[in-house]
Amino acid sequence: MTGAGNSTGLSVTGGLGRKKLASGHAQYTLFDGDAYANGAHKIYLKNTSATAAEYFTIEINSEQMGKLYAGDWAFFPWEANADTNDIKIDPSADNMVLEYMIFIDE
């Protein structure tokens, strides 16, 4: 995993975290584009649910990227931009847990 426009490896992470979404499953902003400089960031997401029908809908910049069903994970590049490239998640059920990590290009 390298930074934008160079061969230097990414050395900063946001740490591995878990987000439990409480009842009333509403869309949640996981990563706010304003909080990160433009760069070759990498995102890891995993749906920890064991219930096959439960999924997280993933959106970037208000565009649906896809759904992560129980046990599914994703790893993808992300370029943060102020107000335009937020990563949002929307669980299909109450009390679902998403595991996540960001690798930051400084």
PDB file of N, CA and C in Angstrom:
ATOM      1  N   MET A   1       0.857  -1.170   0.000  1.00  0.00           N
ATOM      2  CA  MET A   1       0.000   0.000   0.000  1.00  0.00           C
ATOM      3  C   MET A   1       0.901   1.231   0.000  1.00  0.00           C
ATOM      4  N   THR A   2       0.794   2.006  -1.038  1.00  0.00           N
ATOM      5  CA  THR A   2       1.655   3.172  -1.168  1.00  0.00           C
ATOM      6  C   THR A   2       0.849   4.460  -1.215  1.00  0.00           C
ATOM      7  N   GLY A   3       1.553   5.574  -0.973  1.00  0.00           N
ATOM      8  CA  GLY A   3       0.940   6.890  -1.012  1.00  0.00           C
ATOM      9  C   GLY A   3       0.691   7.343  -2.439  1.00  0.00           C
ATOM     10  N   ALA A   4      -0.005   8.446  -2.580  1.00  0.00           N
ATOM     11  CA  ALA A   4      -0.346   8.985  -3.896  1.00  0.00           C
ATOM     12  C   ALA A   4       0.896   9.506  -4.604  1.00  0.00           C
ATOM     13  N   GLY A   5       1.142   9.028  -5.812  1.00  0.00           N
ATOM     14  CA  GLY A   5       2.212   9.535  -6.651  1.00  0.00           C
ATOM     15  C   GLY A   5       3.611   9.179  -6.187  1.00  0.00           C
ATOM     16  N   ASN A   6       3.768   8.177  -5.322  1.00  0.00           N
ATOM     17  CA  ASN A   6       5.103   7.778  -4.888  1.00  0.00           C
ATOM     18  C   ASN A   6       5.100   6.303  -4.523  1.00  0.00           C
ATOM     19  N   SER A   7       6.252   5.814  -4.088  1.00  0.00           N
ATOM     20  CA  SER A   7       6.338   4.407  -3.702  1.00  0.00           C
ATOM     21  C   SER A   7       6.540   4.243  -2.200  1.00  0.00           C
ATOM     22  N   THR A   8       6.264   5.311  -1.443  1.00  0.00           N
ATOM     23  CA  THR A   8       6.389   5.270   0.008  1.00  0.00           C
ATOM     24  C   THR A   8       5.177   4.558   0.597  1.00  0.00           C
ATOM     25  N   GLY A   9       5.436   3.617   1.476  1.00  0.00           N
ATOM     26  CA  GLY A   9       4.341   2.875   2.092  1.00  0.00           C
ATOM     27  C   GLY A   9       3.540   3.723   3.062  1.00  0.00           C
ATOM     28  N   LEU A  10       2.282   3.387   3.211  1.00  0.00           N
ATOM     29  CA  LEU A  10       1.423   4.069   4.179  1.00  0.00           C
ATOM     30  C   LEU A  10       1.812   3.607   5.581  1.00  0.00           C
ATOM     31  N   SER A  11       1.974   4.534   6.504  1.00  0.00           N
ATOM     32  CA  SER A  11       2.470   4.173   7.833  1.00  0.00           C
ATOM     33  C   SER A  11       1.536   4.592   8.965  1.00  0.00           C
ATOM     34  N   VAL A  12       0.393   5.188   8.643  1.00  0.00           N
ATOM     35  CA  VAL A  12      -0.532   5.666   9.672  1.00  0.00           C
ATOM     36  C   VAL A  12      -1.882   4.970   9.486  1.00  0.00           C
ATOM     37  N   THR A  13      -2.475   4.526  10.583  1.00  0.00           N
ATOM     38  CA  THR A  13      -3.818   3.957  10.514  1.00  0.00           C
ATOM     39  C   THR A  13      -4.707   4.653  11.525  1.00  0.00           C
ATOM     40  N   GLY A  14      -5.985   4.510  11.340  1.00  0.00           N
ATOM     41  CA  GLY A  14      -6.955   4.993  12.318  1.00  0.00           C
ATOM     42  C   GLY A  14      -7.218   3.927  13.373  1.00  0.00           C
ATOM     43  N   GLY A  15      -6.498   2.796  13.281  1.00  0.00           N
ATOM     44  CA  GLY A  15      -6.700   1.702  14.212  1.00  0.00           C
ATOM     45  C   GLY A  15      -7.912   0.882  13.849  1.00  0.00           C
ATOM     46  N   LEU A  16      -7.888  -0.381  14.242  1.00  0.00           N
ATOM     47  CA  LEU A  16      -9.019  -1.257  13.997  1.00  0.00           C
ATOM     48  C   LEU A  16     -10.113  -0.925  14.994  1.00  0.00           C
ATOM     49  N   GLY A  17     -11.305  -0.665  14.492  1.00  0.00           N
ATOM     50  CA  GLY A  17     -12.415  -0.308  15.361  1.00  0.00           C
ATOM     51  C   GLY A  17     -13.663  -1.089  15.006  1.00  0.00           C
ATOM     52  N   ARG A  18     -14.626  -1.031  15.893  1.00  0.00           N
ATOM     53  CA  ARG A  18     -15.933  -1.638  15.653  1.00  0.00           C
ATOM     54  C   ARG A  18     -17.005  -0.621  15.986  1.00  0.00           C
ATOM     55  N   LYS A  19     -18.013  -0.574  15.163  1.00  0.00           N
ATOM     56  CA  LYS A  19     -19.132   0.338  15.370  1.00  0.00           C
ATOM     57  C   LYS A  19     -20.398  -0.488  15.481  1.00  0.00           C
ATOM     58  N   LYS A  20     -21.061  -0.417  16.644  1.00  0.00           N
ATOM     59  CA  LYS A  20     -22.346  -1.084  16.825  1.00  0.00           C
ATOM     60  C   LYS A  20     -23.431  -0.045  16.615  1.00  0.00           C
ATOM     61  N   LEU A  21     -24.297  -0.304  15.654  1.00  0.00           N
ATOM     62  CA  LEU A  21     -25.359   0.630  15.342  1.00  0.00           C
ATOM     63  C   LEU A  21     -26.610   0.229  16.112  1.00  0.00           C
ATOM     64  N   ALA A  22     -27.064   1.119  16.934  1.00  0.00           N
ATOM     65  CA  ALA A  22     -28.190   0.849  17.837  1.00  0.00           C
ATOM     66  C   ALA A  22     -29.504   0.732  17.079  1.00  0.00           C
ATOM     67  N   SER A  23     -30.555   0.575  17.832  1.00  0.00           N
ATOM     68  CA  SER A  23     -31.872   0.411  17.231  1.00  0.00           C
ATOM     69  C   SER A  23     -32.256   1.624  16.393  1.00  0.00           C
ATOM     70  N   GLY A  24     -33.150   1.405  15.455  1.00  0.00           N
ATOM     71  CA  GLY A  24     -33.586   2.476  14.559  1.00  0.00           C
ATOM     72  C   GLY A  24     -32.640   2.619  13.392  1.00  0.00           C
ATOM     73  N   HIS A  25     -31.939   1.567  13.061  1.00  0.00           N
ATOM     74  CA  HIS A  25     -30.883   1.526  12.047  1.00  0.00           C
ATOM     75  C   HIS A  25     -31.015   2.617  10.981  1.00  0.00           C
ATOM     76  N   ALA A  26     -30.249   3.678  11.171  1.00  0.00           N
ATOM     77  CA  ALA A  26     -30.228   4.802  10.233  1.00  0.00           C
ATOM     78  C   ALA A  26     -28.829   4.924   9.639  1.00  0.00           C
ATOM     79  N   GLN A  27     -28.728   5.649   8.539  1.00  0.00           N
ATOM     80  CA  GLN A  27     -27.436   5.856   7.897  1.00  0.00           C
ATOM     81  C   GLN A  27     -26.491   6.570   8.847  1.00  0.00           C
ATOM     82  N   TYR A  28     -25.220   6.187   8.804  1.00  0.00           N
ATOM     83  CA  TYR A  28     -24.196   6.730   9.698  1.00  0.00           C
ATOM     84  C   TYR A  28     -22.971   7.104   8.871  1.00  0.00           C
ATOM     85  N   THR A  29     -22.385   8.290   9.128  1.00  0.00           N
ATOM     86  CA  THR A  29     -21.155   8.688   8.450  1.00  0.00           C
ATOM     87  C   THR A  29     -19.981   8.044   9.170  1.00  0.00           C
ATOM     88  N   LEU A  30     -19.328   7.112   8.511  1.00  0.00           N
ATOM     89  CA  LEU A  30     -18.201   6.399   9.094  1.00  0.00           C
ATOM     90  C   LEU A  30     -16.919   7.205   8.949  1.00  0.00           C
ATOM     91  N   PHE A  31     -16.661   7.744   7.752  1.00  0.00           N
ATOM     92  CA  PHE A  31     -15.493   8.591   7.518  1.00  0.00           C
ATOM     93  C   PHE A  31     -15.953   9.862   6.822  1.00  0.00           C
ATOM     94  N   ASP A  32     -15.640  10.994   7.428  1.00  0.00           N
ATOM     95  CA  ASP A  32     -16.012  12.314   6.913  1.00  0.00           C
ATOM     96  C   ASP A  32     -14.874  12.832   6.037  1.00  0.00           C
ATOM     97  N   GLY A  33     -15.165  13.116   4.778  1.00  0.00           N
ATOM     98  CA  GLY A  33     -14.149  13.602   3.845  1.00  0.00           C
ATOM     99  C   GLY A  33     -13.418  14.844   4.323  1.00  0.00           C
ATOM    100  N   ASP A  34     -14.077  15.687   5.139  1.00  0.00           N
ATOM    101  CA  ASP A  34     -13.449  16.902   5.669  1.00  0.00           C
ATOM    102  C   ASP A  34     -12.305  16.588   6.631  1.00  0.00           C
ATOM    103  N   ALA A  35     -12.329  15.431   7.244  1.00  0.00           N
ATOM    104  CA  ALA A  35     -11.373  15.108   8.302  1.00  0.00           C
ATOM    105  C   ALA A  35     -10.034  14.581   7.778  1.00  0.00           C
ATOM    106  N   TYR A  36      -9.931  14.327   6.481  1.00  0.00           N
ATOM    107  CA  TYR A  36      -8.720  13.741   5.908  1.00  0.00           C
ATOM    108  C   TYR A  36      -8.277  14.536   4.689  1.00  0.00           C
ATOM    109  N   ALA A  37      -6.961  14.677   4.534  1.00  0.00           N
ATOM    110  CA  ALA A  37      -6.411  15.350   3.362  1.00  0.00           C
ATOM    111  C   ALA A  37      -6.589  14.445   2.143  1.00  0.00           C
ATOM    112  N   ASN A  38      -6.622  15.041   0.951  1.00  0.00           N
ATOM    113  CA  ASN A  38      -6.664  14.232  -0.267  1.00  0.00           C
ATOM    114  C   ASN A  38      -5.448  13.324  -0.288  1.00  0.00           C
ATOM    115  N   GLY A  39      -5.633  12.114  -0.728  1.00  0.00           N
ATOM    116  CA  GLY A  39      -4.519  11.176  -0.782  1.00  0.00           C
ATOM    117  C   GLY A  39      -4.995   9.783  -1.120  1.00  0.00           C
ATOM    118  N   ALA A  40      -4.074   8.846  -1.101  1.00  0.00           N
ATOM    119  CA  ALA A  40      -4.365   7.460  -1.463  1.00  0.00           C
ATOM    120  C   ALA A  40      -4.688   6.636  -0.218  1.00  0.00           C
ATOM    121  N   HIS A  41      -5.721   7.030   0.495  1.00  0.00           N
ATOM    122  CA  HIS A  41      -6.141   6.299   1.687  1.00  0.00           C
ATOM    123  C   HIS A  41      -6.695   4.933   1.274  1.00  0.00           C
ATOM    124  N   LYS A  42      -6.665   3.987   2.203  1.00  0.00           N
ATOM    125  CA  LYS A  42      -7.247   2.664   1.977  1.00  0.00           C
ATOM    126  C   LYS A  42      -8.239   2.392   3.105  1.00  0.00           C
ATOM    127  N   ILE A  43      -9.347   1.741   2.784  1.00  0.00           N
ATOM    128  CA  ILE A  43     -10.421   1.468   3.737  1.00  0.00           C
ATOM    129  C   ILE A  43     -10.659  -0.039   3.817  1.00  0.00           C
ATOM    130  N   TYR A  44     -10.797  -0.528   5.045  1.00  0.00           N
ATOM    131  CA  TYR A  44     -11.166  -1.920   5.301  1.00  0.00           C
ATOM    132  C   TYR A  44     -12.490  -1.920   6.056  1.00  0.00           C
ATOM    133  N   LEU A  45     -13.449  -2.720   5.613  1.00  0.00           N
ATOM    134  CA  LEU A  45     -14.751  -2.853   6.267  1.00  0.00           C
ATOM    135  C   LEU A  45     -15.112  -4.339   6.344  1.00  0.00           C
ATOM    136  N   LYS A  46     -15.758  -4.745   7.453  1.00  0.00           N
ATOM    137  CA  LYS A  46     -16.232  -6.120   7.577  1.00  0.00           C
ATOM    138  C   LYS A  46     -17.546  -6.154   8.340  1.00  0.00           C
ATOM    139  N   ASN A  47     -18.521  -6.861   7.793  1.00  0.00           N
ATOM    140  CA  ASN A  47     -19.789  -7.095   8.463  1.00  0.00           C
ATOM    141  C   ASN A  47     -19.588  -8.311   9.368  1.00  0.00           C
ATOM    142  N   THR A  48     -19.656  -8.121  10.684  1.00  0.00           N
ATOM    143  CA  THR A  48     -19.400  -9.214  11.633  1.00  0.00           C
ATOM    144  C   THR A  48     -20.631 -10.061  11.923  1.00  0.00           C
ATOM    145  N   SER A  49     -21.744  -9.759  11.327  1.00  0.00           N
ATOM    146  CA  SER A  49     -22.988 -10.490  11.581  1.00  0.00           C
ATOM    147  C   SER A  49     -22.873 -11.958  11.150  1.00  0.00           C
ATOM    148  N   ALA A  50     -23.573 -12.819  11.868  1.00  0.00           N
ATOM    149  CA  ALA A  50     -23.663 -14.232  11.510  1.00  0.00           C
ATOM    150  C   ALA A  50     -25.022 -14.554  10.883  1.00  0.00           C
ATOM    151  N   THR A  51     -25.876 -13.555  10.766  1.00  0.00           N
ATOM    152  CA  THR A  51     -27.208 -13.725  10.178  1.00  0.00           C
ATOM    153  C   THR A  51     -27.135 -13.402   8.687  1.00  0.00           C
ATOM    154  N   ALA A  52     -27.322 -14.415   7.854  1.00  0.00           N
ATOM    155  CA  ALA A  52     -27.088 -14.294   6.408  1.00  0.00           C
ATOM    156  C   ALA A  52     -27.818 -13.137   5.745  1.00  0.00           C
ATOM    157  N   ALA A  53     -29.011 -12.797   6.206  1.00  0.00           N
ATOM    158  CA  ALA A  53     -29.815 -11.755   5.558  1.00  0.00           C
ATOM    159  C   ALA A  53     -29.407 -10.339   5.967  1.00  0.00           C
ATOM    160  N   GLU A  54     -28.541 -10.177   6.968  1.00  0.00           N
ATOM    161  CA  GLU A  54     -28.157  -8.834   7.428  1.00  0.00           C
ATOM    162  C   GLU A  54     -27.010  -8.280   6.590  1.00  0.00           C
ATOM    163  N   TYR A  55     -27.152  -7.024   6.205  1.00  0.00           N
ATOM    164  CA  TYR A  55     -26.132  -6.386   5.376  1.00  0.00           C
ATOM    165  C   TYR A  55     -25.983  -4.907   5.733  1.00  0.00           C
ATOM    166  N   PHE A  56     -24.840  -4.345   5.335  1.00  0.00           N
ATOM    167  CA  PHE A  56     -24.594  -2.913   5.393  1.00  0.00           C
ATOM    168  C   PHE A  56     -24.563  -2.402   3.964  1.00  0.00           C
ATOM    169  N   THR A  57     -25.303  -1.340   3.686  1.00  0.00           N
ATOM    170  CA  THR A  57     -25.182  -0.649   2.410  1.00  0.00           C
ATOM    171  C   THR A  57     -24.070   0.383   2.578  1.00  0.00           C
ATOM    172  N   ILE A  58     -23.133   0.407   1.632  1.00  0.00           N
ATOM    173  CA  ILE A  58     -21.995   1.323   1.678  1.00  0.00           C
ATOM    174  C   ILE A  58     -22.193   2.397   0.614  1.00  0.00           C
ATOM    175  N   GLU A  59     -22.077   3.670   1.022  1.00  0.00           N
ATOM    176  CA  GLU A  59     -22.189   4.791   0.086  1.00  0.00           C
ATOM    177  C   GLU A  59     -20.946   5.661   0.157  1.00  0.00           C
ATOM    178  N   ILE A  60     -20.521   6.133  -1.003  1.00  0.00           N
ATOM    179  CA  ILE A  60     -19.464   7.139  -1.084  1.00  0.00           C
ATOM    180  C   ILE A  60     -20.003   8.264  -1.944  1.00  0.00           C
ATOM    181  N   ASN A  61     -19.947   9.477  -1.413  1.00  0.00           N
ATOM    182  CA  ASN A  61     -20.432  10.647  -2.153  1.00  0.00           C
ATOM    183  C   ASN A  61     -21.881  10.439  -2.609  1.00  0.00           C
ATOM    184  N   SER A  62     -22.709   9.893  -1.734  1.00  0.00           N
ATOM    185  CA  SER A  62     -24.129   9.649  -1.989  1.00  0.00           C
ATOM    186  C   SER A  62     -24.401   8.648  -3.107  1.00  0.00           C
ATOM    187  N   GLU A  63     -23.387   7.908  -3.535  1.00  0.00           N
ATOM    188  CA  GLU A  63     -23.546   6.858  -4.543  1.00  0.00           C
ATOM    189  C   GLU A  63     -23.381   5.509  -3.863  1.00  0.00           C
ATOM    190  N   GLN A  64     -24.340   4.615  -4.086  1.00  0.00           N
ATOM    191  CA  GLN A  64     -24.241   3.298  -3.471  1.00  0.00           C
ATOM    192  C   GLN A  64     -23.105   2.517  -4.104  1.00  0.00           C
ATOM    193  N   MET A  65     -22.168   2.072  -3.259  1.00  0.00           N
ATOM    194  CA  MET A  65     -21.037   1.274  -3.717  1.00  0.00           C
ATOM    195  C   MET A  65     -21.400  -0.208  -3.738  1.00  0.00           C
ATOM    196  N   GLY A  66     -22.222  -0.631  -2.778  1.00  0.00           N
ATOM    197  CA  GLY A  66     -22.618  -2.032  -2.707  1.00  0.00           C
ATOM    198  C   GLY A  66     -23.086  -2.391  -1.318  1.00  0.00           C
ATOM    199  N   LYS A  67     -23.283  -3.694  -1.103  1.00  0.00           N
ATOM    200  CA  LYS A  67     -23.750  -4.194   0.185  1.00  0.00           C
ATOM    201  C   LYS A  67     -22.782  -5.248   0.697  1.00  0.00           C
ATOM    202  N   LEU A  68     -22.513  -5.199   2.003  1.00  0.00           N
ATOM    203  CA  LEU A  68     -21.698  -6.215   2.665  1.00  0.00           C
ATOM    204  C   LEU A  68     -22.630  -7.095   3.484  1.00  0.00           C
ATOM    205  N   TYR A  69     -22.795  -8.338   3.066  1.00  0.00           N
ATOM    206  CA  TYR A  69     -23.630  -9.282   3.804  1.00  0.00           C
ATOM    207  C   TYR A  69     -22.809  -9.929   4.920  1.00  0.00           C
ATOM    208  N   ALA A  70     -23.470 -10.687   5.762  1.00  0.00           N
ATOM    209  CA  ALA A  70     -22.843 -11.326   6.920  1.00  0.00           C
ATOM    210  C   ALA A  70     -21.530 -12.006   6.538  1.00  0.00           C
ATOM    211  N   GLY A  71     -20.464 -11.644   7.241  1.00  0.00           N
ATOM    212  CA  GLY A  71     -19.151 -12.233   6.999  1.00  0.00           C
ATOM    213  C   GLY A  71     -18.382 -11.611   5.847  1.00  0.00           C
ATOM    214  N   ASP A  72     -19.030 -10.793   5.014  1.00  0.00           N
ATOM    215  CA  ASP A  72     -18.349 -10.139   3.887  1.00  0.00           C
ATOM    216  C   ASP A  72     -17.413  -9.048   4.382  1.00  0.00           C
ATOM    217  N   TRP A  73     -16.385  -8.778   3.608  1.00  0.00           N
ATOM    218  CA  TRP A  73     -15.479  -7.682   3.906  1.00  0.00           C
ATOM    219  C   TRP A  73     -15.102  -6.987   2.599  1.00  0.00           C
ATOM    220  N   ALA A  74     -14.596  -5.771   2.733  1.00  0.00           N
ATOM    221  CA  ALA A  74     -14.174  -4.989   1.567  1.00  0.00           C
ATOM    222  C   ALA A  74     -12.883  -4.253   1.900  1.00  0.00           C
ATOM    223  N   PHE A  75     -12.072  -4.064   0.882  1.00  0.00           N
ATOM    224  CA  PHE A  75     -10.847  -3.279   0.997  1.00  0.00           C
ATOM    225  C   PHE A  75     -10.743  -2.471  -0.285  1.00  0.00           C
ATOM    226  N   PHE A  76     -10.713  -1.129  -0.165  1.00  0.00           N
ATOM    227  CA  PHE A  76     -10.739  -0.301  -1.367  1.00  0.00           C
ATOM    228  C   PHE A  76     -10.011   1.027  -1.133  1.00  0.00           C
ATOM    229  N   PRO A  77      -9.544   1.670  -2.219  1.00  0.00           N
ATOM    230  CA  PRO A  77      -8.912   2.984  -2.110  1.00  0.00           C
ATOM    231  C   PRO A  77      -9.965   4.067  -1.925  1.00  0.00           C
ATOM    232  N   TRP A  78      -9.560   5.136  -1.268  1.00  0.00           N
ATOM    233  CA  TRP A  78     -10.485   6.250  -1.027  1.00  0.00           C
ATOM    234  C   TRP A  78      -9.719   7.560  -1.047  1.00  0.00           C
ATOM    235  N   GLU A  79     -10.187   8.516  -1.824  1.00  0.00           N
ATOM    236  CA  GLU A  79      -9.628   9.865  -1.823  1.00  0.00           C
ATOM    237  C   GLU A  79     -10.632  10.784  -1.148  1.00  0.00           C
ATOM    238  N   ALA A  80     -10.256  11.283   0.013  1.00  0.00           N
ATOM    239  CA  ALA A  80     -11.138  12.174   0.768  1.00  0.00           C
ATOM    240  C   ALA A  80     -11.192  13.541   0.111  1.00  0.00           C
ATOM    241  N   ASN A  81     -12.355  14.146   0.126  1.00  0.00           N
ATOM    242  CA  ASN A  81     -12.554  15.515  -0.350  1.00  0.00           C
ATOM    243  C   ASN A  81     -13.536  16.197   0.580  1.00  0.00           C
ATOM    244  N   ALA A  82     -13.335  17.468   0.824  1.00  0.00           N
ATOM    245  CA  ALA A  82     -14.234  18.219   1.694  1.00  0.00           C
ATOM    246  C   ALA A  82     -15.667  18.154   1.172  1.00  0.00           C
ATOM    247  N   ASP A  83     -16.563  17.681   1.995  1.00  0.00           N
ATOM    248  CA  ASP A  83     -18.013  17.655   1.739  1.00  0.00           C
ATOM    249  C   ASP A  83     -18.471  16.768   0.594  1.00  0.00           C
ATOM    250  N   THR A  84     -17.576  16.063  -0.085  1.00  0.00           N
ATOM    251  CA  THR A  84     -18.049  15.296  -1.228  1.00  0.00           C
ATOM    252  C   THR A  84     -17.804  13.803  -1.132  1.00  0.00           C
ATOM    253  N   ASN A  85     -16.827  13.356  -0.416  1.00  0.00           N
ATOM    254  CA  ASN A  85     -16.501  11.928  -0.422  1.00  0.00           C
ATOM    255  C   ASN A  85     -16.658  11.265   0.935  1.00  0.00           C
ATOM    256  N   ASP A  86     -17.693  11.577   1.648  1.00  0.00           N
ATOM    257  CA  ASP A  86     -17.956  10.896   2.910  1.00  0.00           C
ATOM    258  C   ASP A  86     -18.280   9.429   2.633  1.00  0.00           C
ATOM    259  N   ILE A  87     -17.851   8.543   3.551  1.00  0.00           N
ATOM    260  CA  ILE A  87     -18.226   7.137   3.478  1.00  0.00           C
ATOM    261  C   ILE A  87     -19.313   6.914   4.516  1.00  0.00           C
ATOM    262  N   LYS A  88     -20.465   6.467   4.033  1.00  0.00           N
ATOM    263  CA  LYS A  88     -21.614   6.258   4.921  1.00  0.00           C
ATOM    264  C   LYS A  88     -22.033   4.793   4.878  1.00  0.00           C
ATOM    265  N   ILE A  89     -22.526   4.326   6.013  1.00  0.00           N
ATOM    266  CA  ILE A  89     -23.014   2.954   6.107  1.00  0.00           C
ATOM    267  C   ILE A  89     -24.461   2.981   6.579  1.00  0.00           C
ATOM    268  N   ASP A  90     -25.232   2.022   6.112  1.00  0.00           N
ATOM    269  CA  ASP A  90     -26.637   1.923   6.469  1.00  0.00           C
ATOM    270  C   ASP A  90     -26.944   0.453   6.753  1.00  0.00           C
ATOM    271  N   PRO A  91     -27.137   0.081   8.029  1.00  0.00           N
ATOM    272  CA  PRO A  91     -27.394  -1.315   8.361  1.00  0.00           C
ATOM    273  C   PRO A  91     -28.822  -1.727   8.013  1.00  0.00           C
ATOM    274  N   SER A  92     -29.003  -2.998   7.708  1.00  0.00           N
ATOM    275  CA  SER A  92     -30.333  -3.511   7.370  1.00  0.00           C
ATOM    276  C   SER A  92     -31.135  -3.921   8.606  1.00  0.00           C
ATOM    277  N   ALA A  93     -30.482  -3.991   9.770  1.00  0.00           N
ATOM    278  CA  ALA A  93     -31.156  -4.427  10.996  1.00  0.00           C
ATOM    279  C   ALA A  93     -30.564  -3.680  12.192  1.00  0.00           C
ATOM    280  N   ASP A  94     -31.240  -3.764  13.307  1.00  0.00           N
ATOM    281  CA  ASP A  94     -30.761  -3.125  14.533  1.00  0.00           C
ATOM    282  C   ASP A  94     -29.577  -3.880  15.125  1.00  0.00           C
ATOM    283  N   ASN A  95     -28.746  -3.139  15.848  1.00  0.00           N
ATOM    284  CA  ASN A  95     -27.632  -3.685  16.633  1.00  0.00           C
ATOM    285  C   ASN A  95     -26.601  -4.465  15.827  1.00  0.00           C
ATOM    286  N   MET A  96     -26.404  -4.105  14.577  1.00  0.00           N
ATOM    287  CA  MET A  96     -25.362  -4.732  13.765  1.00  0.00           C
ATOM    288  C   MET A  96     -24.012  -4.107  14.099  1.00  0.00           C
ATOM    289  N   VAL A  97     -22.934  -4.890  13.888  1.00  0.00           N
ATOM    290  CA  VAL A  97     -21.578  -4.421  14.187  1.00  0.00           C
ATOM    291  C   VAL A  97     -20.753  -4.434  12.903  1.00  0.00           C
ATOM    292  N   LEU A  98     -20.099  -3.299  12.632  1.00  0.00           N
ATOM    293  CA  LEU A  98     -19.197  -3.165  11.493  1.00  0.00           C
ATOM    294  C   LEU A  98     -17.784  -3.008  12.034  1.00  0.00           C
ATOM    295  N   GLU A  99     -16.868  -3.806  11.514  1.00  0.00           N
ATOM    296  CA  GLU A  99     -15.439  -3.667  11.837  1.00  0.00           C
ATOM    297  C   GLU A  99     -14.833  -2.798  10.745  1.00  0.00           C
ATOM    298  N   TYR A 100     -13.945  -1.863  11.108  1.00  0.00           N
ATOM    299  CA  TYR A 100     -13.407  -0.948  10.100  1.00  0.00           C
ATOM    300  C   TYR A 100     -12.009  -0.468  10.463  1.00  0.00           C
ATOM    301  N   MET A 101     -11.278  -0.034   9.434  1.00  0.00           N
ATOM    302  CA  MET A 101      -9.946   0.536   9.615  1.00  0.00           C
ATOM    303  C   MET A 101      -9.651   1.440   8.430  1.00  0.00           C
ATOM    304  N   ILE A 102      -8.921   2.510   8.677  1.00  0.00           N
ATOM    305  CA  ILE A 102      -8.444   3.386   7.605  1.00  0.00           C
ATOM    306  C   ILE A 102      -6.928   3.421   7.658  1.00  0.00           C
ATOM    307  N   PHE A 103      -6.305   3.280   6.481  1.00  0.00           N
ATOM    308  CA  PHE A 103      -4.872   3.443   6.317  1.00  0.00           C
ATOM    309  C   PHE A 103      -4.701   4.810   5.661  1.00  0.00           C
ATOM    310  N   ILE A 104      -4.000   5.701   6.330  1.00  0.00           N
ATOM    311  CA  ILE A 104      -3.988   7.123   5.955  1.00  0.00           C
ATOM    312  C   ILE A 104      -2.740   7.490   5.168  1.00  0.00           C
ATOM    313  N   ASP A 105      -2.935   8.180   4.054  1.00  0.00           N
ATOM    314  CA  ASP A 105      -1.856   8.741   3.238  1.00  0.00           C
ATOM    315  C   ASP A 105      -1.640  10.165   3.695  1.00  0.00           C
ATOM    316  N   GLU A 106      -0.535  10.421   4.362  1.00  0.00           N
ATOM    317  CA  GLU A 106      -0.285  11.784   4.882  1.00  0.00           C
ATOM    318  C   GLU A 106       0.489  12.630   3.928  1.00  0.00           C
TER     319      GLU A 106
END
